[in-house]
Amino acid sequence: MSTFEIKKRSKSGIVVLDIFGELDAHTAPGLEKEFQKLIEDKSVNIVVNGSGLEYISSAGLGVFMAYIEDIRSQNGDIKIAGLRPKVFNVFDLLGFPTLYDIIETEDDAIGRFQNHSQ
């Protein structure tokens, strides 16, 4: 059984989701529920810190695709930060860098939101 954990925190008014472990078909529903709650709460400026993410499957990537339109329709966005090279390669192969801001550090990702709102 794959292990996956999400820790939610707030930093400078931005929701940061720290994700750890393996994001696959078994664990993707946990991230789906988190995105659904954030959308309901209108907390749509989201940074996903993937520095603890060891593996992502197509099911895991599908979660990001499933919610991005709802989030952007509320003038929010998902920015992805801190991916390990192996995990970034999966995002990159599927063209995610053209759809999402994939940024090296969490602070830079938060800065992109702050620069946007000025």
PDB file of N, CA and C in Angstrom:
ATOM      1  N   MET A   1       0.859  -1.191   0.000  1.00  0.00           N
ATOM      2  CA  MET A   1       0.000   0.000   0.000  1.00  0.00           C
ATOM      3  C   MET A   1       0.895   1.240   0.000  1.00  0.00           C
ATOM      4  N   SER A   2       0.577   2.173  -0.862  1.00  0.00           N
ATOM      5  CA  SER A   2       1.402   3.367  -0.953  1.00  0.00           C
ATOM      6  C   SER A   2       1.064   4.317   0.194  1.00  0.00           C
ATOM      7  N   THR A   3       2.054   5.077   0.584  1.00  0.00           N
ATOM      8  CA  THR A   3       1.839   6.047   1.648  1.00  0.00           C
ATOM      9  C   THR A   3       1.808   7.440   1.042  1.00  0.00           C
ATOM     10  N   PHE A   4       0.909   8.244   1.569  1.00  0.00           N
ATOM     11  CA  PHE A   4       0.747   9.602   1.074  1.00  0.00           C
ATOM     12  C   PHE A   4       0.222  10.444   2.220  1.00  0.00           C
ATOM     13  N   GLU A   5       0.724  11.651   2.329  1.00  0.00           N
ATOM     14  CA  GLU A   5       0.291  12.544   3.400  1.00  0.00           C
ATOM     15  C   GLU A   5       0.215  13.968   2.860  1.00  0.00           C
ATOM     16  N   ILE A   6      -0.779  14.700   3.358  1.00  0.00           N
ATOM     17  CA  ILE A   6      -0.939  16.111   3.003  1.00  0.00           C
ATOM     18  C   ILE A   6      -0.949  16.909   4.297  1.00  0.00           C
ATOM     19  N   LYS A   7      -0.160  17.964   4.326  1.00  0.00           N
ATOM     20  CA  LYS A   7      -0.220  18.907   5.444  1.00  0.00           C
ATOM     21  C   LYS A   7      -0.601  20.257   4.858  1.00  0.00           C
ATOM     22  N   LYS A   8      -1.616  20.856   5.450  1.00  0.00           N
ATOM     23  CA  LYS A   8      -2.103  22.152   4.946  1.00  0.00           C
ATOM     24  C   LYS A   8      -1.689  23.247   5.910  1.00  0.00           C
ATOM     25  N   ARG A   9      -1.190  24.343   5.364  1.00  0.00           N
ATOM     26  CA  ARG A   9      -0.843  25.505   6.181  1.00  0.00           C
ATOM     27  C   ARG A   9      -1.068  26.752   5.347  1.00  0.00           C
ATOM     28  N   SER A  10      -1.019  27.882   6.014  1.00  0.00           N
ATOM     29  CA  SER A  10      -1.202  29.148   5.324  1.00  0.00           C
ATOM     30  C   SER A  10       0.066  29.969   5.472  1.00  0.00           C
ATOM     31  N   LYS A  11       0.455  30.639   4.393  1.00  0.00           N
ATOM     32  CA  LYS A  11       1.656  31.469   4.432  1.00  0.00           C
ATOM     33  C   LYS A  11       1.381  32.693   3.569  1.00  0.00           C
ATOM     34  N   SER A  12       1.418  33.861   4.175  1.00  0.00           N
ATOM     35  CA  SER A  12       1.161  35.128   3.466  1.00  0.00           C
ATOM     36  C   SER A  12      -0.179  35.112   2.740  1.00  0.00           C
ATOM     37  N   GLY A  13      -1.189  34.490   3.350  1.00  0.00           N
ATOM     38  CA  GLY A  13      -2.519  34.458   2.752  1.00  0.00           C
ATOM     39  C   GLY A  13      -2.693  33.435   1.645  1.00  0.00           C
ATOM     40  N   ILE A  14      -1.675  32.631   1.420  1.00  0.00           N
ATOM     41  CA  ILE A  14      -1.714  31.596   0.385  1.00  0.00           C
ATOM     42  C   ILE A  14      -1.833  30.245   1.088  1.00  0.00           C
ATOM     43  N   VAL A  15      -2.641  29.343   0.546  1.00  0.00           N
ATOM     44  CA  VAL A  15      -2.715  27.995   1.099  1.00  0.00           C
ATOM     45  C   VAL A  15      -1.547  27.190   0.541  1.00  0.00           C
ATOM     46  N   VAL A  16      -0.786  26.576   1.435  1.00  0.00           N
ATOM     47  CA  VAL A  16       0.311  25.704   1.018  1.00  0.00           C
ATOM     48  C   VAL A  16      -0.051  24.281   1.399  1.00  0.00           C
ATOM     49  N   LEU A  17      -0.029  23.404   0.407  1.00  0.00           N
ATOM     50  CA  LEU A  17      -0.221  21.974   0.653  1.00  0.00           C
ATOM     51  C   LEU A  17       1.135  21.295   0.508  1.00  0.00           C
ATOM     52  N   ASP A  18       1.639  20.775   1.602  1.00  0.00           N
ATOM     53  CA  ASP A  18       2.867  19.976   1.548  1.00  0.00           C
ATOM     54  C   ASP A  18       2.428  18.539   1.297  1.00  0.00           C
ATOM     55  N   ILE A  19       2.938  17.955   0.221  1.00  0.00           N
ATOM     56  CA  ILE A  19       2.551  16.577  -0.075  1.00  0.00           C
ATOM     57  C   ILE A  19       3.776  15.676   0.016  1.00  0.00           C
ATOM     58  N   PHE A  20       3.555  14.505   0.591  1.00  0.00           N
ATOM     59  CA  PHE A  20       4.635  13.568   0.880  1.00  0.00           C
ATOM     60  C   PHE A  20       4.259  12.168   0.406  1.00  0.00           C
ATOM     61  N   GLY A  21       5.245  11.445  -0.097  1.00  0.00           N
ATOM     62  CA  GLY A  21       5.041  10.039  -0.415  1.00  0.00           C
ATOM     63  C   GLY A  21       4.706   9.823  -1.869  1.00  0.00           C
ATOM     64  N   GLU A  22       3.732   8.946  -2.099  1.00  0.00           N
ATOM     65  CA  GLU A  22       3.380   8.525  -3.447  1.00  0.00           C
ATOM     66  C   GLU A  22       1.950   8.922  -3.766  1.00  0.00           C
ATOM     67  N   LEU A  23       1.789   9.663  -4.869  1.00  0.00           N
ATOM     68  CA  LEU A  23       0.462  10.094  -5.310  1.00  0.00           C
ATOM     69  C   LEU A  23       0.066   9.221  -6.485  1.00  0.00           C
ATOM     70  N   ASP A  24      -0.832   8.268  -6.219  1.00  0.00           N
ATOM     71  CA  ASP A  24      -1.241   7.312  -7.243  1.00  0.00           C
ATOM     72  C   ASP A  24      -2.746   7.069  -7.128  1.00  0.00           C
ATOM     73  N   ALA A  25      -3.228   6.056  -7.813  1.00  0.00           N
ATOM     74  CA  ALA A  25      -4.680   5.792  -7.835  1.00  0.00           C
ATOM     75  C   ALA A  25      -5.239   5.547  -6.435  1.00  0.00           C
ATOM     76  N   HIS A  26      -4.437   4.976  -5.539  1.00  0.00           N
ATOM     77  CA  HIS A  26      -4.923   4.699  -4.183  1.00  0.00           C
ATOM     78  C   HIS A  26      -4.970   5.947  -3.318  1.00  0.00           C
ATOM     79  N   THR A  27      -4.054   6.877  -3.558  1.00  0.00           N
ATOM     80  CA  THR A  27      -3.947   8.039  -2.672  1.00  0.00           C
ATOM     81  C   THR A  27      -4.528   9.317  -3.273  1.00  0.00           C
ATOM     82  N   ALA A  28      -4.791   9.329  -4.574  1.00  0.00           N
ATOM     83  CA  ALA A  28      -5.310  10.531  -5.241  1.00  0.00           C
ATOM     84  C   ALA A  28      -6.609  11.061  -4.626  1.00  0.00           C
ATOM     85  N   PRO A  29      -7.534  10.206  -4.163  1.00  0.00           N
ATOM     86  CA  PRO A  29      -8.767  10.757  -3.578  1.00  0.00           C
ATOM     87  C   PRO A  29      -8.523  11.703  -2.401  1.00  0.00           C
ATOM     88  N   GLY A  30      -7.437  11.507  -1.662  1.00  0.00           N
ATOM     89  CA  GLY A  30      -7.129  12.415  -0.554  1.00  0.00           C
ATOM     90  C   GLY A  30      -6.835  13.820  -1.048  1.00  0.00           C
ATOM     91  N   LEU A  31      -6.076  13.919  -2.128  1.00  0.00           N
ATOM     92  CA  LEU A  31      -5.773  15.235  -2.697  1.00  0.00           C
ATOM     93  C   LEU A  31      -7.023  15.835  -3.337  1.00  0.00           C
ATOM     94  N   GLU A  32      -7.847  14.999  -3.955  1.00  0.00           N
ATOM     95  CA  GLU A  32      -9.109  15.486  -4.530  1.00  0.00           C
ATOM     96  C   GLU A  32      -9.972  16.139  -3.450  1.00  0.00           C
ATOM     97  N   LYS A  33     -10.107  15.464  -2.303  1.00  0.00           N
ATOM     98  CA  LYS A  33     -10.928  16.013  -1.215  1.00  0.00           C
ATOM     99  C   LYS A  33     -10.369  17.345  -0.746  1.00  0.00           C
ATOM    100  N   GLU A  34      -9.049  17.442  -0.667  1.00  0.00           N
ATOM    101  CA  GLU A  34      -8.421  18.688  -0.214  1.00  0.00           C
ATOM    102  C   GLU A  34      -8.728  19.830  -1.196  1.00  0.00           C
ATOM    103  N   PHE A  35      -8.587  19.571  -2.498  1.00  0.00           N
ATOM    104  CA  PHE A  35      -8.901  20.599  -3.495  1.00  0.00           C
ATOM    105  C   PHE A  35     -10.377  20.983  -3.430  1.00  0.00           C
ATOM    106  N   GLN A  36     -11.272  19.993  -3.260  1.00  0.00           N
ATOM    107  CA  GLN A  36     -12.707  20.289  -3.170  1.00  0.00           C
ATOM    108  C   GLN A  36     -13.003  21.209  -1.994  1.00  0.00           C
ATOM    109  N   LYS A  37     -12.394  20.920  -0.837  1.00  0.00           N
ATOM    110  CA  LYS A  37     -12.604  21.759   0.347  1.00  0.00           C
ATOM    111  C   LYS A  37     -12.104  23.181   0.106  1.00  0.00           C
ATOM    112  N   LEU A  38     -10.933  23.300  -0.511  1.00  0.00           N
ATOM    113  CA  LEU A  38     -10.369  24.628  -0.762  1.00  0.00           C
ATOM    114  C   LEU A  38     -11.260  25.433  -1.702  1.00  0.00           C
ATOM    115  N   ILE A  39     -11.805  24.777  -2.720  1.00  0.00           N
ATOM    116  CA  ILE A  39     -12.700  25.457  -3.656  1.00  0.00           C
ATOM    117  C   ILE A  39     -13.966  25.906  -2.927  1.00  0.00           C
ATOM    118  N   GLU A  40     -14.529  25.025  -2.086  1.00  0.00           N
ATOM    119  CA  GLU A  40     -15.726  25.391  -1.322  1.00  0.00           C
ATOM    120  C   GLU A  40     -15.454  26.568  -0.393  1.00  0.00           C
ATOM    121  N   ASP A  41     -14.257  26.606   0.180  1.00  0.00           N
ATOM    122  CA  ASP A  41     -13.890  27.690   1.103  1.00  0.00           C
ATOM    123  C   ASP A  41     -13.404  28.942   0.378  1.00  0.00           C
ATOM    124  N   LYS A  42     -13.394  28.898  -0.962  1.00  0.00           N
ATOM    125  CA  LYS A  42     -12.886  30.003  -1.783  1.00  0.00           C
ATOM    126  C   LYS A  42     -11.417  30.310  -1.486  1.00  0.00           C
ATOM    127  N   SER A  43     -10.679  29.293  -1.043  1.00  0.00           N
ATOM    128  CA  SER A  43      -9.225  29.423  -0.829  1.00  0.00           C
ATOM    129  C   SER A  43      -8.552  28.885  -2.081  1.00  0.00           C
ATOM    130  N   VAL A  44      -8.460  29.739  -3.102  1.00  0.00           N
ATOM    131  CA  VAL A  44      -8.066  29.235  -4.419  1.00  0.00           C
ATOM    132  C   VAL A  44      -6.677  29.689  -4.869  1.00  0.00           C
ATOM    133  N   ASN A  45      -5.927  30.346  -3.991  1.00  0.00           N
ATOM    134  CA  ASN A  45      -4.514  30.616  -4.288  1.00  0.00           C
ATOM    135  C   ASN A  45      -3.722  29.546  -3.568  1.00  0.00           C
ATOM    136  N   ILE A  46      -3.283  28.539  -4.321  1.00  0.00           N
ATOM    137  CA  ILE A  46      -2.739  27.316  -3.732  1.00  0.00           C
ATOM    138  C   ILE A  46      -1.331  27.070  -4.256  1.00  0.00           C
ATOM    139  N   VAL A  47      -0.423  26.807  -3.325  1.00  0.00           N
ATOM    140  CA  VAL A  47       0.901  26.329  -3.686  1.00  0.00           C
ATOM    141  C   VAL A  47       0.992  24.882  -3.216  1.00  0.00           C
ATOM    142  N   VAL A  48       1.303  23.984  -4.125  1.00  0.00           N
ATOM    143  CA  VAL A  48       1.546  22.593  -3.767  1.00  0.00           C
ATOM    144  C   VAL A  48       3.060  22.434  -3.662  1.00  0.00           C
ATOM    145  N   ASN A  49       3.526  22.197  -2.444  1.00  0.00           N
ATOM    146  CA  ASN A  49       4.953  21.977  -2.223  1.00  0.00           C
ATOM    147  C   ASN A  49       5.210  20.483  -2.365  1.00  0.00           C
ATOM    148  N   GLY A  50       5.847  20.119  -3.471  1.00  0.00           N
ATOM    149  CA  GLY A  50       6.073  18.713  -3.779  1.00  0.00           C
ATOM    150  C   GLY A  50       7.449  18.207  -3.406  1.00  0.00           C
ATOM    151  N   SER A  51       8.139  18.924  -2.506  1.00  0.00           N
ATOM    152  CA  SER A  51       9.504  18.501  -2.175  1.00  0.00           C
ATOM    153  C   SER A  51       9.538  17.136  -1.494  1.00  0.00           C
ATOM    154  N   GLY A  52       8.427  16.731  -0.884  1.00  0.00           N
ATOM    155  CA  GLY A  52       8.365  15.416  -0.243  1.00  0.00           C
ATOM    156  C   GLY A  52       7.713  14.355  -1.101  1.00  0.00           C
ATOM    157  N   LEU A  53       7.350  14.720  -2.322  1.00  0.00           N
ATOM    158  CA  LEU A  53       6.677  13.778  -3.218  1.00  0.00           C
ATOM    159  C   LEU A  53       7.714  12.882  -3.886  1.00  0.00           C
ATOM    160  N   GLU A  54       7.557  11.584  -3.695  1.00  0.00           N
ATOM    161  CA  GLU A  54       8.536  10.635  -4.222  1.00  0.00           C
ATOM    162  C   GLU A  54       8.114  10.034  -5.559  1.00  0.00           C
ATOM    163  N   TYR A  55       6.795  10.025  -5.804  1.00  0.00           N
ATOM    164  CA  TYR A  55       6.290   9.359  -7.010  1.00  0.00           C
ATOM    165  C   TYR A  55       4.927   9.951  -7.351  1.00  0.00           C
ATOM    166  N   ILE A  56       4.658  10.087  -8.645  1.00  0.00           N
ATOM    167  CA  ILE A  56       3.314  10.484  -9.074  1.00  0.00           C
ATOM    168  C   ILE A  56       2.923   9.649 -10.282  1.00  0.00           C
ATOM    169  N   SER A  57       1.690   9.169 -10.269  1.00  0.00           N
ATOM    170  CA  SER A  57       1.179   8.383 -11.399  1.00  0.00           C
ATOM    171  C   SER A  57       0.242   9.250 -12.226  1.00  0.00           C
ATOM    172  N   SER A  58      -0.256   8.682 -13.311  1.00  0.00           N
ATOM    173  CA  SER A  58      -1.205   9.431 -14.140  1.00  0.00           C
ATOM    174  C   SER A  58      -2.460   9.784 -13.351  1.00  0.00           C
ATOM    175  N   ALA A  59      -2.857   8.929 -12.415  1.00  0.00           N
ATOM    176  CA  ALA A  59      -4.031   9.237 -11.582  1.00  0.00           C
ATOM    177  C   ALA A  59      -3.756  10.464 -10.718  1.00  0.00           C
ATOM    178  N   GLY A  60      -2.546  10.568 -10.200  1.00  0.00           N
ATOM    179  CA  GLY A  60      -2.174  11.726  -9.401  1.00  0.00           C
ATOM    180  C   GLY A  60      -2.167  12.997 -10.228  1.00  0.00           C
ATOM    181  N   LEU A  61      -1.616  12.905 -11.434  1.00  0.00           N
ATOM    182  CA  LEU A  61      -1.607  14.069 -12.331  1.00  0.00           C
ATOM    183  C   LEU A  61      -3.030  14.464 -12.697  1.00  0.00           C
ATOM    184  N   GLY A  62      -3.895  13.477 -12.830  1.00  0.00           N
ATOM    185  CA  GLY A  62      -5.288  13.743 -13.181  1.00  0.00           C
ATOM    186  C   GLY A  62      -6.000  14.608 -12.161  1.00  0.00           C
ATOM    187  N   VAL A  63      -5.615  14.495 -10.885  1.00  0.00           N
ATOM    188  CA  VAL A  63      -6.232  15.323  -9.846  1.00  0.00           C
ATOM    189  C   VAL A  63      -5.955  16.804 -10.130  1.00  0.00           C
ATOM    190  N   PHE A  64      -4.720  17.111 -10.504  1.00  0.00           N
ATOM    191  CA  PHE A  64      -4.393  18.498 -10.816  1.00  0.00           C
ATOM    192  C   PHE A  64      -5.233  18.990 -11.992  1.00  0.00           C
ATOM    193  N   MET A  65      -5.392  18.156 -13.008  1.00  0.00           N
ATOM    194  CA  MET A  65      -6.162  18.549 -14.188  1.00  0.00           C
ATOM    195  C   MET A  65      -7.647  18.694 -13.865  1.00  0.00           C
ATOM    196  N   ALA A  66      -8.136  17.878 -12.950  1.00  0.00           N
ATOM    197  CA  ALA A  66      -9.571  17.867 -12.651  1.00  0.00           C
ATOM    198  C   ALA A  66     -10.040  19.166 -11.990  1.00  0.00           C
ATOM    199  N   TYR A  67      -9.159  19.834 -11.242  1.00  0.00           N
ATOM    200  CA  TYR A  67      -9.605  20.974 -10.444  1.00  0.00           C
ATOM    201  C   TYR A  67      -9.091  22.323 -10.919  1.00  0.00           C
ATOM    202  N   ILE A  68      -8.156  22.338 -11.848  1.00  0.00           N
ATOM    203  CA  ILE A  68      -7.552  23.614 -12.214  1.00  0.00           C
ATOM    204  C   ILE A  68      -8.567  24.588 -12.825  1.00  0.00           C
ATOM    205  N   GLU A  69      -9.500  24.096 -13.623  1.00  0.00           N
ATOM    206  CA  GLU A  69     -10.477  25.008 -14.233  1.00  0.00           C
ATOM    207  C   GLU A  69     -11.378  25.646 -13.192  1.00  0.00           C
ATOM    208  N   ASP A  70     -11.837  24.832 -12.213  1.00  0.00           N
ATOM    209  CA  ASP A  70     -12.684  25.382 -11.146  1.00  0.00           C
ATOM    210  C   ASP A  70     -11.924  26.445 -10.364  1.00  0.00           C
ATOM    211  N   ILE A  71     -10.669  26.178 -10.082  1.00  0.00           N
ATOM    212  CA  ILE A  71      -9.861  27.114  -9.298  1.00  0.00           C
ATOM    213  C   ILE A  71      -9.600  28.390 -10.093  1.00  0.00           C
ATOM    214  N   ARG A  72      -9.253  28.248 -11.354  1.00  0.00           N
ATOM    215  CA  ARG A  72      -8.989  29.446 -12.168  1.00  0.00           C
ATOM    216  C   ARG A  72     -10.262  30.229 -12.438  1.00  0.00           C
ATOM    217  N   SER A  73     -11.412  29.559 -12.468  1.00  0.00           N
ATOM    218  CA  SER A  73     -12.667  30.287 -12.687  1.00  0.00           C
ATOM    219  C   SER A  73     -13.000  31.182 -11.495  1.00  0.00           C
ATOM    220  N   GLN A  74     -12.376  30.918 -10.337  1.00  0.00           N
ATOM    221  CA  GLN A  74     -12.546  31.777  -9.147  1.00  0.00           C
ATOM    222  C   GLN A  74     -11.345  32.726  -8.995  1.00  0.00           C
ATOM    223  N   ASN A  75     -10.631  32.945 -10.103  1.00  0.00           N
ATOM    224  CA  ASN A  75      -9.449  33.819 -10.112  1.00  0.00           C
ATOM    225  C   ASN A  75      -8.325  33.315  -9.221  1.00  0.00           C
ATOM    226  N   GLY A  76      -8.251  32.003  -9.041  1.00  0.00           N
ATOM    227  CA  GLY A  76      -7.167  31.404  -8.280  1.00  0.00           C
ATOM    228  C   GLY A  76      -6.224  30.660  -9.204  1.00  0.00           C
ATOM    229  N   ASP A  77      -5.293  29.956  -8.622  1.00  0.00           N
ATOM    230  CA  ASP A  77      -4.359  29.147  -9.404  1.00  0.00           C
ATOM    231  C   ASP A  77      -3.712  28.123  -8.484  1.00  0.00           C
ATOM    232  N   ILE A  78      -3.137  27.110  -9.104  1.00  0.00           N
ATOM    233  CA  ILE A  78      -2.309  26.137  -8.396  1.00  0.00           C
ATOM    234  C   ILE A  78      -0.899  26.327  -8.929  1.00  0.00           C
ATOM    235  N   LYS A  79       0.019  26.608  -8.031  1.00  0.00           N
ATOM    236  CA  LYS A  79       1.425  26.678  -8.405  1.00  0.00           C
ATOM    237  C   LYS A  79       2.123  25.506  -7.724  1.00  0.00           C
ATOM    238  N   ILE A  80       3.032  24.883  -8.437  1.00  0.00           N
ATOM    239  CA  ILE A  80       3.687  23.677  -7.941  1.00  0.00           C
ATOM    240  C   ILE A  80       5.149  24.022  -7.674  1.00  0.00           C
ATOM    241  N   ALA A  81       5.622  23.690  -6.479  1.00  0.00           N
ATOM    242  CA  ALA A  81       6.979  24.079  -6.089  1.00  0.00           C
ATOM    243  C   ALA A  81       7.770  22.892  -5.559  1.00  0.00           C
ATOM    244  N   GLY A  82       9.067  22.981  -5.744  1.00  0.00           N
ATOM    245  CA  GLY A  82       9.993  22.080  -5.066  1.00  0.00           C
ATOM    246  C   GLY A  82      10.016  20.638  -5.523  1.00  0.00           C
ATOM    247  N   LEU A  83       9.622  20.370  -6.752  1.00  0.00           N
ATOM    248  CA  LEU A  83       9.588  18.975  -7.204  1.00  0.00           C
ATOM    249  C   LEU A  83      10.993  18.396  -7.329  1.00  0.00           C
ATOM    250  N   ARG A  84      11.103  17.131  -6.950  1.00  0.00           N
ATOM    251  CA  ARG A  84      12.353  16.406  -7.174  1.00  0.00           C
ATOM    252  C   ARG A  84      12.500  16.178  -8.682  1.00  0.00           C
ATOM    253  N   PRO A  85      13.740  16.085  -9.170  1.00  0.00           N
ATOM    254  CA  PRO A  85      13.933  15.931 -10.626  1.00  0.00           C
ATOM    255  C   PRO A  85      13.155  14.765 -11.236  1.00  0.00           C
ATOM    256  N   LYS A  86      13.121  13.640 -10.554  1.00  0.00           N
ATOM    257  CA  LYS A  86      12.430  12.457 -11.077  1.00  0.00           C
ATOM    258  C   LYS A  86      10.926  12.726 -11.233  1.00  0.00           C
ATOM    259  N   VAL A  87      10.349  13.427 -10.260  1.00  0.00           N
ATOM    260  CA  VAL A  87       8.916  13.739 -10.300  1.00  0.00           C
ATOM    261  C   VAL A  87       8.660  14.851 -11.319  1.00  0.00           C
ATOM    262  N   PHE A  88       9.537  15.850 -11.355  1.00  0.00           N
ATOM    263  CA  PHE A  88       9.383  16.927 -12.343  1.00  0.00           C
ATOM    264  C   PHE A  88       9.374  16.352 -13.759  1.00  0.00           C
ATOM    265  N   ASN A  89      10.214  15.364 -14.019  1.00  0.00           N
ATOM    266  CA  ASN A  89      10.272  14.772 -15.361  1.00  0.00           C
ATOM    267  C   ASN A  89       8.923  14.220 -15.789  1.00  0.00           C
ATOM    268  N   VAL A  90       8.164  13.657 -14.863  1.00  0.00           N
ATOM    269  CA  VAL A  90       6.831  13.126 -15.197  1.00  0.00           C
ATOM    270  C   VAL A  90       5.908  14.286 -15.582  1.00  0.00           C
ATOM    271  N   PHE A  91       5.918  15.350 -14.795  1.00  0.00           N
ATOM    272  CA  PHE A  91       5.116  16.537 -15.120  1.00  0.00           C
ATOM    273  C   PHE A  91       5.537  17.093 -16.486  1.00  0.00           C
ATOM    274  N   ASP A  92       6.848  17.161 -16.686  1.00  0.00           N
ATOM    275  CA  ASP A  92       7.402  17.754 -17.903  1.00  0.00           C
ATOM    276  C   ASP A  92       7.020  16.947 -19.143  1.00  0.00           C
ATOM    277  N   LEU A  93       7.106  15.629 -19.041  1.00  0.00           N
ATOM    278  CA  LEU A  93       6.772  14.760 -20.180  1.00  0.00           C
ATOM    279  C   LEU A  93       5.342  14.968 -20.651  1.00  0.00           C
ATOM    280  N   LEU A  94       4.459  15.284 -19.720  1.00  0.00           N
ATOM    281  CA  LEU A  94       3.046  15.438 -20.062  1.00  0.00           C
ATOM    282  C   LEU A  94       2.661  16.893 -20.327  1.00  0.00           C
ATOM    283  N   GLY A  95       3.664  17.761 -20.430  1.00  0.00           N
ATOM    284  CA  GLY A  95       3.384  19.144 -20.819  1.00  0.00           C
ATOM    285  C   GLY A  95       2.876  20.044 -19.716  1.00  0.00           C
ATOM    286  N   PHE A  96       2.979  19.617 -18.475  1.00  0.00           N
ATOM    287  CA  PHE A  96       2.461  20.429 -17.371  1.00  0.00           C
ATOM    288  C   PHE A  96       3.112  21.807 -17.265  1.00  0.00           C
ATOM    289  N   PRO A  97       4.410  21.962 -17.565  1.00  0.00           N
ATOM    290  CA  PRO A  97       4.991  23.309 -17.433  1.00  0.00           C
ATOM    291  C   PRO A  97       4.341  24.364 -18.337  1.00  0.00           C
ATOM    292  N   THR A  98       3.631  23.948 -19.368  1.00  0.00           N
ATOM    293  CA  THR A  98       2.923  24.933 -20.196  1.00  0.00           C
ATOM    294  C   THR A  98       1.570  25.306 -19.585  1.00  0.00           C
ATOM    295  N   LEU A  99       1.050  24.482 -18.676  1.00  0.00           N
ATOM    296  CA  LEU A  99      -0.260  24.710 -18.066  1.00  0.00           C
ATOM    297  C   LEU A  99      -0.170  25.288 -16.664  1.00  0.00           C
ATOM    298  N   TYR A 100       0.921  24.996 -15.989  1.00  0.00           N
ATOM    299  CA  TYR A 100       1.093  25.365 -14.583  1.00  0.00           C
ATOM    300  C   TYR A 100       2.415  26.080 -14.401  1.00  0.00           C
ATOM    301  N   ASP A 101       2.467  26.948 -13.381  1.00  0.00           N
ATOM    302  CA  ASP A 101       3.756  27.463 -12.929  1.00  0.00           C
ATOM    303  C   ASP A 101       4.386  26.364 -12.080  1.00  0.00           C
ATOM    304  N   ILE A 102       5.491  25.833 -12.529  1.00  0.00           N
ATOM    305  CA  ILE A 102       6.247  24.869 -11.738  1.00  0.00           C
ATOM    306  C   ILE A 102       7.549  25.568 -11.367  1.00  0.00           C
ATOM    307  N   ILE A 103       7.688  25.836 -10.082  1.00  0.00           N
ATOM    308  CA  ILE A 103       8.700  26.756  -9.585  1.00  0.00           C
ATOM    309  C   ILE A 103       9.611  26.007  -8.618  1.00  0.00           C
ATOM    310  N   GLU A 104      10.872  26.441  -8.569  1.00  0.00           N
ATOM    311  CA  GLU A 104      11.836  25.732  -7.728  1.00  0.00           C
ATOM    312  C   GLU A 104      11.511  25.801  -6.251  1.00  0.00           C
ATOM    313  N   THR A 105      11.167  26.983  -5.738  1.00  0.00           N
ATOM    314  CA  THR A 105      10.965  27.098  -4.292  1.00  0.00           C
ATOM    315  C   THR A 105       9.563  27.580  -3.948  1.00  0.00           C
ATOM    316  N   GLU A 106       9.139  27.196  -2.766  1.00  0.00           N
ATOM    317  CA  GLU A 106       7.835  27.617  -2.253  1.00  0.00           C
ATOM    318  C   GLU A 106       7.751  29.140  -2.150  1.00  0.00           C
ATOM    319  N   ASP A 107       8.818  29.778  -1.653  1.00  0.00           N
ATOM    320  CA  ASP A 107       8.789  31.236  -1.509  1.00  0.00           C
ATOM    321  C   ASP A 107       8.623  31.931  -2.856  1.00  0.00           C
ATOM    322  N   ASP A 108       9.281  31.407  -3.893  1.00  0.00           N
ATOM    323  CA  ASP A 108       9.120  31.994  -5.226  1.00  0.00           C
ATOM    324  C   ASP A 108       7.682  31.823  -5.721  1.00  0.00           C
ATOM    325  N   ALA A 109       7.088  30.674  -5.428  1.00  0.00           N
ATOM    326  CA  ALA A 109       5.705  30.425  -5.850  1.00  0.00           C
ATOM    327  C   ALA A 109       4.753  31.399  -5.152  1.00  0.00           C
ATOM    328  N   ILE A 110       4.950  31.607  -3.853  1.00  0.00           N
ATOM    329  CA  ILE A 110       4.120  32.556  -3.113  1.00  0.00           C
ATOM    330  C   ILE A 110       4.331  33.962  -3.671  1.00  0.00           C
ATOM    331  N   GLY A 111       5.575  34.292  -3.995  1.00  0.00           N
ATOM    332  CA  GLY A 111       5.878  35.594  -4.575  1.00  0.00           C
ATOM    333  C   GLY A 111       5.146  35.840  -5.880  1.00  0.00           C
ATOM    334  N   ARG A 112       4.962  34.783  -6.671  1.00  0.00           N
ATOM    335  CA  ARG A 112       4.231  34.944  -7.941  1.00  0.00           C
ATOM    336  C   ARG A 112       2.792  35.370  -7.681  1.00  0.00           C
ATOM    337  N   PHE A 113       2.155  34.821  -6.640  1.00  0.00           N
ATOM    338  CA  PHE A 113       0.793  35.236  -6.297  1.00  0.00           C
ATOM    339  C   PHE A 113       0.786  36.695  -5.846  1.00  0.00           C
ATOM    340  N   GLN A 114       1.746  37.053  -5.013  1.00  0.00           N
ATOM    341  CA  GLN A 114       1.768  38.413  -4.457  1.00  0.00           C
ATOM    342  C   GLN A 114       2.047  39.436  -5.550  1.00  0.00           C
ATOM    343  N   ASN A 115       2.914  39.127  -6.475  1.00  0.00           N
ATOM    344  CA  ASN A 115       3.206  40.055  -7.576  1.00  0.00           C
ATOM    345  C   ASN A 115       2.020  40.212  -8.499  1.00  0.00           C
ATOM    346  N   HIS A 116       1.239  39.150  -8.612  1.00  0.00           N
ATOM    347  CA  HIS A 116       0.060  39.155  -9.472  1.00  0.00           C
ATOM    348  C   HIS A 116      -1.033  40.067  -8.969  1.00  0.00           C
ATOM    349  N   SER A 117      -1.167  40.142  -7.633  1.00  0.00           N
ATOM    350  CA  SER A 117      -2.301  40.866  -7.064  1.00  0.00           C
ATOM    351  C   SER A 117      -2.035  42.355  -6.907  1.00  0.00           C
ATOM    352  N   GLN A 118      -0.860  42.816  -7.275  1.00  0.00           N
ATOM    353  CA  GLN A 118      -0.559  44.242  -7.106  1.00  0.00           C
ATOM    354  C   GLN A 118      -0.983  45.041  -8.320  1.00  0.00           C
TER     355      GLN A 118
END
